[in-house]
Amino acid sequence: MRNNFPAPWNLTGRGLIVLFKGNQMATLSDPCVPRHVKGNLKSPLRVLMLVDYASSDAGPYQELLFLPGSIELLGKRRFTISNIFVSSMASVINGRANWGIPKNLADFEWETRPDGSQRVCVRSEGHPVFEMDWQGVGFRFPVSTRIAPKAFKTLVQQWEGQCFTYSPSAAGRARYARVGEIKSRSGLFPALERTEVLTAFEIADFQMTFPIPDIEAL
């Protein structure tokens, strides 16, 4: 079975983006955030993403990721993914190799209820990692990374002695979302509280590209 899927990747799907208050002390004291990220972290805000990829170059899969803020590598400060779980081993292997993204394998239960609300439960090796429910509200509007400042859409990853820099592009339809219960399991995923949510967006029918990254030695 083929397991090598080099960049770039083209993906489609749906998802949820949640923006949290920047809490420097909470992030630095969280044992789930890697030490190299804490070294020069700034947390103007924190970002959680849940994604259900209907298609990708490596096949469909689901994803939970956390961006604690920005770090400085090779003289530039960019946002970074510190924690991420995906439902496909092909995504784990190629995410690490292509972009230095520290992916780990997990099982996802994604439920859509009759009232339109949704709930996701993520488990790793049978242990609960993360649970959350939400409901999209209001009308949908077009969104695109084209209008986002470069500093906000360019990511950097430190992985095995290398610096990976890349700028994903995406477009889709969004609407606001009301976030309900959040459960982060200590030791497996960073602790997040509903009371710290600034805003959330439910994204539908998006198209996304993960480009070939710039790779430099550290």
N, C-alpha and C. Protein backbone atom coordinates (compact mmCIF):
# COMPACT_ATOMS: atom_id res chain seq x y z
N MET A 1 0.84 -1.20 0.00
CA MET A 1 0.00 0.00 0.00
C MET A 1 0.88 1.25 0.00
N ARG A 2 0.55 2.19 -0.84
CA ARG A 2 1.33 3.41 -0.94
C ARG A 2 1.18 4.24 0.34
N ASN A 3 2.30 4.78 0.88
CA ASN A 3 2.21 5.64 2.06
C ASN A 3 3.02 6.92 1.92
N ASN A 4 3.49 7.21 0.70
CA ASN A 4 4.26 8.41 0.44
C ASN A 4 3.44 9.37 -0.41
N PHE A 5 3.06 10.51 0.20
CA PHE A 5 2.23 11.50 -0.50
C PHE A 5 2.88 12.87 -0.32
N PRO A 6 3.81 13.24 -1.19
CA PRO A 6 4.55 14.49 -1.04
C PRO A 6 3.67 15.73 -1.28
N ALA A 7 4.15 16.85 -0.77
CA ALA A 7 3.47 18.13 -1.00
C ALA A 7 3.63 18.53 -2.47
N PRO A 8 2.68 19.33 -2.96
CA PRO A 8 1.53 19.94 -2.27
C PRO A 8 0.34 18.99 -2.14
N TRP A 9 -0.55 19.33 -1.20
CA TRP A 9 -1.80 18.61 -1.05
C TRP A 9 -2.97 19.54 -1.33
N ASN A 10 -4.00 18.98 -1.97
CA ASN A 10 -5.28 19.68 -2.14
C ASN A 10 -6.34 18.94 -1.35
N LEU A 11 -7.10 19.68 -0.54
CA LEU A 11 -8.05 19.07 0.38
C LEU A 11 -9.40 19.76 0.30
N THR A 12 -10.45 19.01 0.64
CA THR A 12 -11.79 19.59 0.76
C THR A 12 -12.41 19.08 2.05
N GLY A 13 -13.41 19.82 2.56
CA GLY A 13 -14.07 19.34 3.76
C GLY A 13 -14.85 20.40 4.49
N ARG A 14 -14.98 20.19 5.80
CA ARG A 14 -15.71 21.09 6.69
C ARG A 14 -14.94 21.15 8.01
N GLY A 15 -15.30 22.13 8.84
CA GLY A 15 -14.57 22.21 10.09
C GLY A 15 -15.07 23.29 11.02
N LEU A 16 -14.33 23.48 12.10
CA LEU A 16 -14.64 24.47 13.12
C LEU A 16 -13.36 25.15 13.55
N ILE A 17 -13.39 26.48 13.65
CA ILE A 17 -12.26 27.26 14.15
C ILE A 17 -12.72 27.99 15.40
N VAL A 18 -11.99 27.82 16.51
CA VAL A 18 -12.33 28.49 17.77
C VAL A 18 -11.15 29.34 18.20
N LEU A 19 -11.41 30.62 18.47
CA LEU A 19 -10.38 31.53 18.95
C LEU A 19 -10.54 31.71 20.45
N PHE A 20 -9.44 31.51 21.18
CA PHE A 20 -9.43 31.64 22.63
C PHE A 20 -8.58 32.84 23.04
N LYS A 21 -8.85 33.37 24.22
CA LYS A 21 -8.03 34.43 24.77
C LYS A 21 -6.58 33.97 24.88
N GLY A 22 -5.66 34.88 24.63
CA GLY A 22 -4.26 34.56 24.84
C GLY A 22 -3.94 34.52 26.33
N ASN A 23 -3.60 33.36 26.83
CA ASN A 23 -3.31 33.19 28.26
C ASN A 23 -1.89 32.64 28.39
N GLN A 24 -0.92 33.54 28.46
CA GLN A 24 0.48 33.15 28.46
C GLN A 24 0.82 32.22 29.62
N MET A 25 0.37 32.55 30.80
CA MET A 25 0.71 31.75 31.98
C MET A 25 0.13 30.34 31.88
N ALA A 26 -1.12 30.25 31.43
CA ALA A 26 -1.75 28.93 31.32
C ALA A 26 -1.04 28.07 30.29
N THR A 27 -0.67 28.69 29.17
CA THR A 27 0.00 27.93 28.11
C THR A 27 1.39 27.47 28.54
N LEU A 28 2.14 28.35 29.19
CA LEU A 28 3.50 27.99 29.62
C LEU A 28 3.51 26.93 30.71
N SER A 29 2.45 26.87 31.50
CA SER A 29 2.39 25.88 32.57
C SER A 29 1.74 24.57 32.14
N ASP A 30 1.23 24.53 30.90
CA ASP A 30 0.54 23.32 30.43
C ASP A 30 1.56 22.27 30.02
N PRO A 31 1.54 21.09 30.64
CA PRO A 31 2.52 20.05 30.33
C PRO A 31 2.39 19.48 28.92
N CYS A 32 1.27 19.72 28.25
CA CYS A 32 1.08 19.19 26.90
C CYS A 32 1.78 20.02 25.84
N VAL A 33 2.10 21.27 26.13
CA VAL A 33 2.76 22.13 25.14
C VAL A 33 4.25 21.83 25.15
N PRO A 34 4.85 21.47 24.02
CA PRO A 34 6.27 21.08 23.97
C PRO A 34 7.20 22.17 24.49
N ARG A 35 8.32 21.75 25.06
CA ARG A 35 9.27 22.68 25.66
C ARG A 35 9.84 23.66 24.65
N HIS A 36 10.14 23.18 23.42
CA HIS A 36 10.74 24.09 22.44
C HIS A 36 9.75 25.18 22.01
N VAL A 37 8.45 24.92 22.13
CA VAL A 37 7.46 25.94 21.81
C VAL A 37 7.39 26.97 22.94
N LYS A 38 7.48 26.50 24.18
CA LYS A 38 7.39 27.41 25.31
C LYS A 38 8.58 28.36 25.38
N GLY A 39 9.69 28.00 24.76
CA GLY A 39 10.93 28.75 24.90
C GLY A 39 10.82 30.22 24.55
N ASN A 40 10.09 30.56 23.49
CA ASN A 40 9.95 31.97 23.11
C ASN A 40 8.53 32.28 22.63
N LEU A 41 7.58 31.65 23.29
CA LEU A 41 6.18 31.75 22.88
C LEU A 41 5.57 33.10 23.24
N LYS A 42 4.78 33.63 22.32
CA LYS A 42 3.90 34.75 22.60
C LYS A 42 2.48 34.32 22.26
N SER A 43 1.53 34.65 23.13
CA SER A 43 0.16 34.15 22.97
C SER A 43 -0.85 35.29 22.86
N PRO A 44 -0.85 36.05 21.75
CA PRO A 44 -1.87 37.08 21.59
C PRO A 44 -3.27 36.46 21.51
N LEU A 45 -3.34 35.24 20.99
CA LEU A 45 -4.55 34.43 21.03
C LEU A 45 -4.16 32.99 20.79
N ARG A 46 -5.07 32.09 21.13
CA ARG A 46 -4.86 30.66 20.91
C ARG A 46 -5.96 30.16 19.99
N VAL A 47 -5.63 29.17 19.17
CA VAL A 47 -6.57 28.71 18.14
C VAL A 47 -6.74 27.19 18.21
N LEU A 48 -7.98 26.76 18.18
CA LEU A 48 -8.32 25.34 18.10
C LEU A 48 -9.02 25.11 16.77
N MET A 49 -8.67 24.01 16.10
CA MET A 49 -9.34 23.65 14.86
C MET A 49 -9.74 22.19 14.88
N LEU A 50 -10.98 21.93 14.46
CA LEU A 50 -11.48 20.59 14.21
C LEU A 50 -11.82 20.51 12.74
N VAL A 51 -11.29 19.51 12.04
CA VAL A 51 -11.48 19.45 10.59
C VAL A 51 -11.87 18.03 10.17
N ASP A 52 -12.83 17.97 9.29
CA ASP A 52 -13.26 16.71 8.68
C ASP A 52 -12.95 16.81 7.19
N TYR A 53 -11.81 16.24 6.79
CA TYR A 53 -11.39 16.30 5.39
C TYR A 53 -12.11 15.21 4.61
N ALA A 54 -12.98 15.62 3.70
CA ALA A 54 -13.68 14.65 2.85
C ALA A 54 -12.74 14.06 1.81
N SER A 55 -11.72 14.84 1.43
CA SER A 55 -10.74 14.35 0.46
C SER A 55 -9.41 15.05 0.70
N SER A 56 -8.33 14.34 0.39
CA SER A 56 -6.97 14.88 0.42
C SER A 56 -6.11 13.99 -0.44
N ASP A 57 -4.88 14.37 -0.68
CA ASP A 57 -3.98 13.54 -1.47
C ASP A 57 -3.70 12.21 -0.78
N ALA A 58 -3.89 12.16 0.54
CA ALA A 58 -3.68 10.94 1.30
C ALA A 58 -5.00 10.29 1.72
N GLY A 59 -6.11 10.73 1.12
CA GLY A 59 -7.41 10.17 1.46
C GLY A 59 -8.11 10.97 2.53
N PRO A 60 -9.37 10.62 2.84
CA PRO A 60 -10.13 11.35 3.86
C PRO A 60 -9.60 11.08 5.26
N TYR A 61 -9.68 12.08 6.13
CA TYR A 61 -9.32 11.90 7.53
C TYR A 61 -9.85 13.07 8.35
N GLN A 62 -9.80 12.92 9.66
CA GLN A 62 -10.25 13.97 10.56
C GLN A 62 -9.08 14.45 11.41
N GLU A 63 -9.24 15.67 11.97
CA GLU A 63 -8.08 16.32 12.58
C GLU A 63 -8.51 17.24 13.72
N LEU A 64 -7.72 17.22 14.79
CA LEU A 64 -7.84 18.14 15.92
C LEU A 64 -6.48 18.78 16.13
N LEU A 65 -6.42 20.12 16.12
CA LEU A 65 -5.13 20.77 16.31
C LEU A 65 -5.24 22.01 17.16
N PHE A 66 -4.09 22.39 17.76
CA PHE A 66 -4.02 23.54 18.65
C PHE A 66 -2.81 24.39 18.31
N LEU A 67 -3.05 25.69 18.14
CA LEU A 67 -1.98 26.67 17.95
C LEU A 67 -1.93 27.54 19.21
N PRO A 68 -0.87 27.44 20.02
CA PRO A 68 -0.82 28.19 21.28
C PRO A 68 -0.43 29.65 21.12
N GLY A 69 0.05 30.03 19.93
CA GLY A 69 0.53 31.38 19.69
C GLY A 69 1.64 31.35 18.67
N SER A 70 2.56 32.29 18.76
CA SER A 70 3.65 32.38 17.79
C SER A 70 5.00 32.14 18.46
N ILE A 71 5.93 31.58 17.69
CA ILE A 71 7.30 31.39 18.15
C ILE A 71 8.25 32.01 17.12
N GLU A 72 9.46 32.26 17.54
CA GLU A 72 10.46 32.83 16.64
C GLU A 72 11.47 31.76 16.25
N LEU A 73 11.63 31.58 14.95
CA LEU A 73 12.63 30.66 14.41
C LEU A 73 13.34 31.36 13.26
N LEU A 74 14.65 31.28 13.25
CA LEU A 74 15.48 31.86 12.18
C LEU A 74 15.12 33.34 11.94
N GLY A 75 14.88 34.04 13.04
CA GLY A 75 14.67 35.48 12.97
C GLY A 75 13.27 35.92 12.58
N LYS A 76 12.34 34.98 12.40
CA LYS A 76 10.97 35.34 12.04
C LYS A 76 10.00 34.75 13.04
N ARG A 77 8.98 35.51 13.38
CA ARG A 77 7.96 35.06 14.32
C ARG A 77 6.70 34.64 13.57
N ARG A 78 6.29 33.38 13.78
CA ARG A 78 5.12 32.84 13.10
C ARG A 78 4.31 31.98 14.07
N PHE A 79 3.04 31.79 13.73
CA PHE A 79 2.22 30.85 14.50
C PHE A 79 2.70 29.43 14.24
N THR A 80 2.48 28.56 15.23
CA THR A 80 2.93 27.17 15.12
C THR A 80 1.88 26.22 15.68
N ILE A 81 1.82 25.03 15.14
CA ILE A 81 0.96 23.97 15.67
C ILE A 81 1.77 23.21 16.71
N SER A 82 1.27 23.18 17.94
CA SER A 82 2.00 22.48 19.01
C SER A 82 1.45 21.08 19.28
N ASN A 83 0.15 20.89 19.05
CA ASN A 83 -0.50 19.62 19.36
C ASN A 83 -1.50 19.29 18.26
N ILE A 84 -1.46 18.05 17.79
CA ILE A 84 -2.37 17.67 16.70
C ILE A 84 -2.59 16.17 16.68
N PHE A 85 -3.84 15.78 16.53
CA PHE A 85 -4.23 14.38 16.35
C PHE A 85 -4.99 14.26 15.02
N VAL A 86 -4.76 13.15 14.32
CA VAL A 86 -5.46 12.87 13.07
C VAL A 86 -5.91 11.41 13.07
N SER A 87 -6.85 11.08 12.21
CA SER A 87 -7.44 9.75 12.21
C SER A 87 -6.81 8.80 11.20
N SER A 88 -5.75 9.23 10.52
CA SER A 88 -5.14 8.43 9.45
C SER A 88 -3.64 8.34 9.64
N MET A 89 -3.10 7.13 9.58
CA MET A 89 -1.64 6.97 9.69
C MET A 89 -0.93 7.59 8.50
N ALA A 90 -1.56 7.58 7.33
CA ALA A 90 -0.95 8.23 6.16
C ALA A 90 -0.78 9.72 6.42
N SER A 91 -1.76 10.33 7.10
CA SER A 91 -1.65 11.75 7.44
C SER A 91 -0.56 11.98 8.48
N VAL A 92 -0.44 11.09 9.45
CA VAL A 92 0.64 11.20 10.45
C VAL A 92 2.00 11.20 9.77
N ILE A 93 2.25 10.18 8.97
CA ILE A 93 3.57 9.99 8.35
C ILE A 93 3.92 11.15 7.43
N ASN A 94 2.97 11.52 6.57
CA ASN A 94 3.27 12.55 5.58
C ASN A 94 3.20 13.96 6.15
N GLY A 95 2.38 14.17 7.16
CA GLY A 95 2.35 15.48 7.81
C GLY A 95 3.67 15.80 8.47
N ARG A 96 4.29 14.81 9.09
CA ARG A 96 5.61 15.01 9.69
C ARG A 96 6.68 15.21 8.62
N ALA A 97 6.65 14.37 7.60
CA ALA A 97 7.69 14.42 6.57
C ALA A 97 7.59 15.66 5.69
N ASN A 98 6.38 16.05 5.33
CA ASN A 98 6.19 17.16 4.39
C ASN A 98 6.33 18.53 5.03
N TRP A 99 5.76 18.69 6.25
CA TRP A 99 5.68 20.03 6.84
C TRP A 99 6.20 20.10 8.28
N GLY A 100 6.72 19.00 8.81
CA GLY A 100 7.20 19.01 10.18
C GLY A 100 6.09 19.15 11.21
N ILE A 101 4.87 18.80 10.84
CA ILE A 101 3.72 18.92 11.75
C ILE A 101 3.71 17.70 12.67
N PRO A 102 3.69 17.90 13.99
CA PRO A 102 3.85 16.79 14.94
C PRO A 102 2.58 15.96 15.14
N LYS A 103 2.10 15.34 14.07
CA LYS A 103 0.83 14.62 14.11
C LYS A 103 0.93 13.31 14.90
N ASN A 104 -0.16 12.98 15.58
CA ASN A 104 -0.30 11.71 16.28
C ASN A 104 -1.65 11.10 15.91
N LEU A 105 -1.74 9.79 16.03
CA LEU A 105 -2.93 9.05 15.60
C LEU A 105 -3.99 9.00 16.70
N ALA A 106 -5.26 9.13 16.32
CA ALA A 106 -6.37 9.04 17.26
C ALA A 106 -7.62 8.58 16.53
N ASP A 107 -8.62 8.19 17.30
CA ASP A 107 -9.93 7.84 16.76
C ASP A 107 -10.90 8.99 17.00
N PHE A 108 -11.73 9.28 16.00
CA PHE A 108 -12.67 10.39 16.06
C PHE A 108 -14.10 9.87 15.98
N GLU A 109 -14.96 10.41 16.83
CA GLU A 109 -16.41 10.21 16.72
C GLU A 109 -17.03 11.58 16.47
N TRP A 110 -17.57 11.77 15.28
CA TRP A 110 -18.13 13.07 14.87
C TRP A 110 -19.63 12.88 14.67
N GLU A 111 -20.43 13.48 15.55
CA GLU A 111 -21.88 13.28 15.55
C GLU A 111 -22.60 14.57 15.16
N THR A 112 -23.53 14.47 14.22
CA THR A 112 -24.42 15.56 13.89
C THR A 112 -25.81 15.21 14.38
N ARG A 113 -26.35 16.02 15.27
CA ARG A 113 -27.63 15.74 15.91
C ARG A 113 -28.79 16.26 15.07
N PRO A 114 -30.02 15.80 15.36
CA PRO A 114 -31.19 16.24 14.58
C PRO A 114 -31.39 17.75 14.58
N ASP A 115 -30.99 18.45 15.65
CA ASP A 115 -31.16 19.90 15.70
C ASP A 115 -30.04 20.66 15.00
N GLY A 116 -29.10 19.93 14.37
CA GLY A 116 -28.01 20.56 13.66
C GLY A 116 -26.76 20.78 14.48
N SER A 117 -26.84 20.59 15.79
CA SER A 117 -25.65 20.73 16.62
C SER A 117 -24.72 19.55 16.37
N GLN A 118 -23.45 19.74 16.71
CA GLN A 118 -22.45 18.71 16.45
C GLN A 118 -21.61 18.45 17.70
N ARG A 119 -21.08 17.26 17.77
CA ARG A 119 -20.22 16.88 18.89
C ARG A 119 -19.10 16.00 18.36
N VAL A 120 -17.89 16.25 18.86
CA VAL A 120 -16.74 15.44 18.50
C VAL A 120 -16.09 14.89 19.76
N CYS A 121 -15.75 13.63 19.72
CA CYS A 121 -15.00 12.98 20.79
C CYS A 121 -13.76 12.35 20.17
N VAL A 122 -12.59 12.66 20.71
CA VAL A 122 -11.31 12.16 20.19
C VAL A 122 -10.68 11.27 21.24
N ARG A 123 -10.23 10.08 20.82
CA ARG A 123 -9.59 9.14 21.74
C ARG A 123 -8.27 8.65 21.15
N SER A 124 -7.28 8.52 22.00
CA SER A 124 -5.98 7.99 21.60
C SER A 124 -5.69 6.73 22.40
N GLU A 125 -5.52 5.62 21.69
CA GLU A 125 -5.28 4.33 22.31
C GLU A 125 -6.35 4.03 23.36
N GLY A 126 -7.58 4.40 23.06
CA GLY A 126 -8.70 4.13 23.95
C GLY A 126 -8.91 5.16 25.04
N HIS A 127 -7.98 6.11 25.20
CA HIS A 127 -8.09 7.12 26.26
C HIS A 127 -8.72 8.40 25.70
N PRO A 128 -9.69 8.98 26.41
CA PRO A 128 -10.28 10.25 25.95
C PRO A 128 -9.23 11.35 25.88
N VAL A 129 -9.23 12.07 24.78
CA VAL A 129 -8.30 13.18 24.58
C VAL A 129 -9.03 14.52 24.66
N PHE A 130 -10.17 14.59 23.96
CA PHE A 130 -10.85 15.88 23.81
C PHE A 130 -12.31 15.64 23.43
N GLU A 131 -13.20 16.47 23.99
CA GLU A 131 -14.61 16.43 23.64
C GLU A 131 -15.13 17.86 23.54
N MET A 132 -16.01 18.09 22.58
CA MET A 132 -16.60 19.42 22.44
C MET A 132 -17.89 19.33 21.63
N ASP A 133 -18.86 20.19 21.97
CA ASP A 133 -20.04 20.31 21.12
C ASP A 133 -20.27 21.77 20.77
N TRP A 134 -20.95 21.98 19.66
CA TRP A 134 -21.20 23.33 19.16
C TRP A 134 -22.37 23.31 18.20
N GLN A 135 -22.85 24.51 17.86
CA GLN A 135 -23.92 24.63 16.87
C GLN A 135 -23.70 25.88 16.04
N GLY A 136 -23.74 25.72 14.72
CA GLY A 136 -23.65 26.86 13.83
C GLY A 136 -24.91 27.69 13.87
N VAL A 137 -24.75 29.01 13.79
CA VAL A 137 -25.91 29.90 13.86
C VAL A 137 -25.80 30.98 12.77
N GLY A 138 -26.97 31.43 12.29
CA GLY A 138 -27.00 32.54 11.34
C GLY A 138 -26.71 32.11 9.91
N PHE A 139 -26.49 33.12 9.09
CA PHE A 139 -26.28 32.88 7.66
C PHE A 139 -24.81 32.60 7.37
N ARG A 140 -24.56 31.96 6.24
CA ARG A 140 -23.19 31.68 5.82
C ARG A 140 -22.67 32.80 4.93
N PHE A 141 -21.38 33.04 5.01
CA PHE A 141 -20.73 34.07 4.22
C PHE A 141 -19.41 33.54 3.69
N PRO A 142 -18.96 34.03 2.55
CA PRO A 142 -17.71 33.52 1.97
C PRO A 142 -16.49 33.96 2.78
N VAL A 143 -15.52 33.07 2.90
CA VAL A 143 -14.26 33.38 3.58
C VAL A 143 -13.10 32.87 2.72
N SER A 144 -11.96 33.54 2.85
CA SER A 144 -10.78 33.15 2.08
C SER A 144 -9.54 33.65 2.79
N THR A 145 -8.47 32.88 2.70
CA THR A 145 -7.19 33.31 3.28
C THR A 145 -6.56 34.43 2.46
N ARG A 146 -7.08 34.72 1.29
CA ARG A 146 -6.51 35.77 0.45
C ARG A 146 -6.49 37.12 1.15
N ILE A 147 -7.47 37.36 2.03
CA ILE A 147 -7.56 38.66 2.68
C ILE A 147 -6.81 38.69 4.02
N ALA A 148 -6.28 37.54 4.44
CA ALA A 148 -5.58 37.49 5.73
C ALA A 148 -4.15 38.00 5.59
N PRO A 149 -3.64 38.76 6.58
CA PRO A 149 -2.24 39.19 6.56
C PRO A 149 -1.30 37.99 6.54
N LYS A 150 -0.18 38.13 5.86
CA LYS A 150 0.77 37.03 5.72
C LYS A 150 1.22 36.48 7.06
N ALA A 151 1.39 37.36 8.04
CA ALA A 151 1.87 36.93 9.35
C ALA A 151 0.90 35.98 10.04
N PHE A 152 -0.39 36.06 9.69
CA PHE A 152 -1.39 35.23 10.33
C PHE A 152 -1.63 33.91 9.60
N LYS A 153 -1.24 33.83 8.33
CA LYS A 153 -1.52 32.60 7.58
C LYS A 153 -0.26 31.81 7.25
N THR A 154 0.90 32.29 7.70
CA THR A 154 2.15 31.56 7.51
C THR A 154 2.50 30.85 8.81
N LEU A 155 2.73 29.56 8.73
CA LEU A 155 3.04 28.74 9.91
C LEU A 155 4.48 28.28 9.86
N VAL A 156 5.02 27.98 11.05
CA VAL A 156 6.37 27.47 11.15
C VAL A 156 6.38 26.27 12.09
N GLN A 157 7.16 25.27 11.73
CA GLN A 157 7.28 24.07 12.57
C GLN A 157 8.75 23.73 12.78
N GLN A 158 9.10 23.38 14.01
CA GLN A 158 10.43 22.87 14.32
C GLN A 158 10.33 21.36 14.46
N TRP A 159 11.08 20.64 13.61
CA TRP A 159 10.96 19.17 13.60
C TRP A 159 12.28 18.55 13.19
N GLU A 160 12.84 17.74 14.06
CA GLU A 160 14.05 16.97 13.80
C GLU A 160 15.17 17.83 13.22
N GLY A 161 15.42 18.96 13.87
CA GLY A 161 16.54 19.80 13.50
C GLY A 161 16.32 20.68 12.29
N GLN A 162 15.07 20.76 11.83
CA GLN A 162 14.77 21.58 10.66
C GLN A 162 13.62 22.54 10.96
N CYS A 163 13.58 23.63 10.19
CA CYS A 163 12.51 24.61 10.28
C CYS A 163 11.68 24.54 9.00
N PHE A 164 10.40 24.24 9.14
CA PHE A 164 9.47 24.16 8.01
C PHE A 164 8.58 25.40 8.04
N THR A 165 8.55 26.14 6.95
CA THR A 165 7.70 27.32 6.84
C THR A 165 6.75 27.15 5.66
N TYR A 166 5.46 27.38 5.88
CA TYR A 166 4.48 27.14 4.82
C TYR A 166 3.26 28.01 5.05
N SER A 167 2.55 28.32 3.98
CA SER A 167 1.36 29.17 4.04
C SER A 167 0.19 28.48 3.37
N PRO A 168 -0.63 27.75 4.12
CA PRO A 168 -1.80 27.12 3.52
C PRO A 168 -2.77 28.17 2.98
N SER A 169 -3.49 27.82 1.93
CA SER A 169 -4.53 28.70 1.39
C SER A 169 -5.86 27.95 1.40
N ALA A 170 -6.94 28.69 1.65
CA ALA A 170 -8.25 28.04 1.74
C ALA A 170 -9.35 29.04 1.43
N ALA A 171 -10.49 28.49 0.99
CA ALA A 171 -11.69 29.30 0.75
C ALA A 171 -12.89 28.41 0.99
N GLY A 172 -13.95 29.01 1.53
CA GLY A 172 -15.16 28.24 1.81
C GLY A 172 -16.28 29.16 2.25
N ARG A 173 -17.26 28.58 2.95
CA ARG A 173 -18.38 29.34 3.48
C ARG A 173 -18.42 29.16 4.98
N ALA A 174 -18.59 30.26 5.72
CA ALA A 174 -18.54 30.21 7.17
C ALA A 174 -19.80 30.81 7.79
N ARG A 175 -20.03 30.43 9.04
CA ARG A 175 -21.03 31.11 9.86
C ARG A 175 -20.56 31.02 11.31
N TYR A 176 -21.12 31.85 12.15
CA TYR A 176 -20.72 31.83 13.55
C TYR A 176 -21.20 30.53 14.21
N ALA A 177 -20.53 30.17 15.31
CA ALA A 177 -20.90 28.97 16.04
C ALA A 177 -20.94 29.25 17.54
N ARG A 178 -21.90 28.65 18.21
CA ARG A 178 -21.97 28.69 19.67
C ARG A 178 -21.29 27.45 20.21
N VAL A 179 -20.28 27.65 21.04
CA VAL A 179 -19.52 26.54 21.60
C VAL A 179 -20.14 26.11 22.92
N GLY A 180 -20.35 24.81 23.06
CA GLY A 180 -20.90 24.26 24.29
C GLY A 180 -19.82 23.70 25.17
N GLU A 181 -20.01 22.49 25.62
CA GLU A 181 -19.08 21.84 26.55
C GLU A 181 -17.72 21.57 25.89
N ILE A 182 -16.66 21.84 26.64
CA ILE A 182 -15.30 21.52 26.21
C ILE A 182 -14.63 20.70 27.30
N LYS A 183 -14.06 19.56 26.91
CA LYS A 183 -13.31 18.73 27.86
C LYS A 183 -11.95 18.39 27.25
N SER A 184 -10.90 18.95 27.82
CA SER A 184 -9.54 18.60 27.42
C SER A 184 -8.96 17.70 28.49
N ARG A 185 -8.36 16.61 28.11
CA ARG A 185 -7.81 15.66 29.07
C ARG A 185 -6.36 16.02 29.40
N SER A 186 -6.12 16.27 30.67
CA SER A 186 -4.78 16.64 31.12
C SER A 186 -3.77 15.57 30.76
N GLY A 187 -2.66 15.99 30.21
CA GLY A 187 -1.61 15.05 29.83
C GLY A 187 -1.71 14.57 28.40
N LEU A 188 -2.85 14.83 27.74
CA LEU A 188 -3.03 14.37 26.37
C LEU A 188 -3.28 15.52 25.39
N PHE A 189 -3.93 16.59 25.87
CA PHE A 189 -4.20 17.74 25.01
C PHE A 189 -4.29 18.97 25.89
N PRO A 190 -3.84 20.13 25.40
CA PRO A 190 -3.84 21.35 26.23
C PRO A 190 -5.21 21.66 26.81
N ALA A 191 -5.21 22.17 28.04
CA ALA A 191 -6.45 22.50 28.73
C ALA A 191 -7.06 23.77 28.14
N LEU A 192 -8.33 23.70 27.79
CA LEU A 192 -9.06 24.84 27.22
C LEU A 192 -10.40 24.96 27.93
N GLU A 193 -10.80 26.20 28.20
CA GLU A 193 -12.04 26.45 28.92
C GLU A 193 -13.03 27.21 28.04
N ARG A 194 -14.28 26.85 28.14
CA ARG A 194 -15.32 27.53 27.37
C ARG A 194 -15.36 29.02 27.69
N THR A 195 -15.08 29.39 28.94
CA THR A 195 -15.15 30.78 29.35
C THR A 195 -14.11 31.65 28.66
N GLU A 196 -13.08 31.02 28.05
CA GLU A 196 -12.03 31.77 27.38
C GLU A 196 -12.26 31.91 25.88
N VAL A 197 -13.37 31.40 25.38
CA VAL A 197 -13.67 31.49 23.95
C VAL A 197 -13.99 32.93 23.57
N LEU A 198 -13.30 33.43 22.54
CA LEU A 198 -13.59 34.76 22.00
C LEU A 198 -14.66 34.69 20.93
N THR A 199 -14.49 33.78 19.98
CA THR A 199 -15.48 33.57 18.93
C THR A 199 -15.19 32.24 18.25
N ALA A 200 -16.15 31.76 17.48
CA ALA A 200 -15.98 30.49 16.77
C ALA A 200 -16.69 30.56 15.44
N PHE A 201 -16.16 29.83 14.46
CA PHE A 201 -16.71 29.82 13.12
C PHE A 201 -16.83 28.37 12.63
N GLU A 202 -17.99 28.03 12.11
CA GLU A 202 -18.21 26.74 11.47
C GLU A 202 -17.99 26.93 9.98
N ILE A 203 -17.09 26.14 9.39
CA ILE A 203 -16.73 26.28 7.99
C ILE A 203 -17.30 25.11 7.20
N ALA A 204 -17.90 25.40 6.06
CA ALA A 204 -18.47 24.35 5.21
C ALA A 204 -17.90 24.45 3.80
N ASP A 205 -17.84 23.32 3.14
CA ASP A 205 -17.49 23.26 1.70
C ASP A 205 -16.20 24.01 1.39
N PHE A 206 -15.17 23.80 2.19
CA PHE A 206 -13.93 24.52 1.90
C PHE A 206 -13.03 23.73 0.96
N GLN A 207 -12.20 24.47 0.26
CA GLN A 207 -11.13 23.91 -0.55
C GLN A 207 -9.82 24.48 -0.01
N MET A 208 -8.82 23.63 0.14
CA MET A 208 -7.59 24.04 0.82
C MET A 208 -6.38 23.46 0.10
N THR A 209 -5.27 24.20 0.14
CA THR A 209 -4.01 23.72 -0.42
C THR A 209 -2.90 23.86 0.61
N PHE A 210 -2.19 22.77 0.86
CA PHE A 210 -0.97 22.80 1.67
C PHE A 210 0.20 22.75 0.70
N PRO A 211 0.97 23.84 0.61
CA PRO A 211 2.01 23.94 -0.43
C PRO A 211 3.30 23.23 -0.05
N ILE A 212 4.22 23.20 -0.97
CA ILE A 212 5.59 22.74 -0.69
C ILE A 212 6.21 23.75 0.27
N PRO A 213 6.76 23.32 1.41
CA PRO A 213 7.29 24.27 2.37
C PRO A 213 8.71 24.70 2.05
N ASP A 214 9.13 25.78 2.69
CA ASP A 214 10.55 26.14 2.73
C ASP A 214 11.14 25.40 3.92
N ILE A 215 12.25 24.70 3.71
CA ILE A 215 12.89 23.92 4.77
C ILE A 215 14.32 24.40 4.96
N GLU A 216 14.67 24.75 6.19
CA GLU A 216 16.00 25.21 6.52
C GLU A 216 16.51 24.47 7.75
N ALA A 217 17.81 24.26 7.81
CA ALA A 217 18.41 23.62 8.97
C ALA A 217 18.48 24.60 10.13
N LEU A 218 18.28 24.10 11.34
CA LEU A 218 18.38 24.93 12.54
C LEU A 218 19.79 24.88 13.11
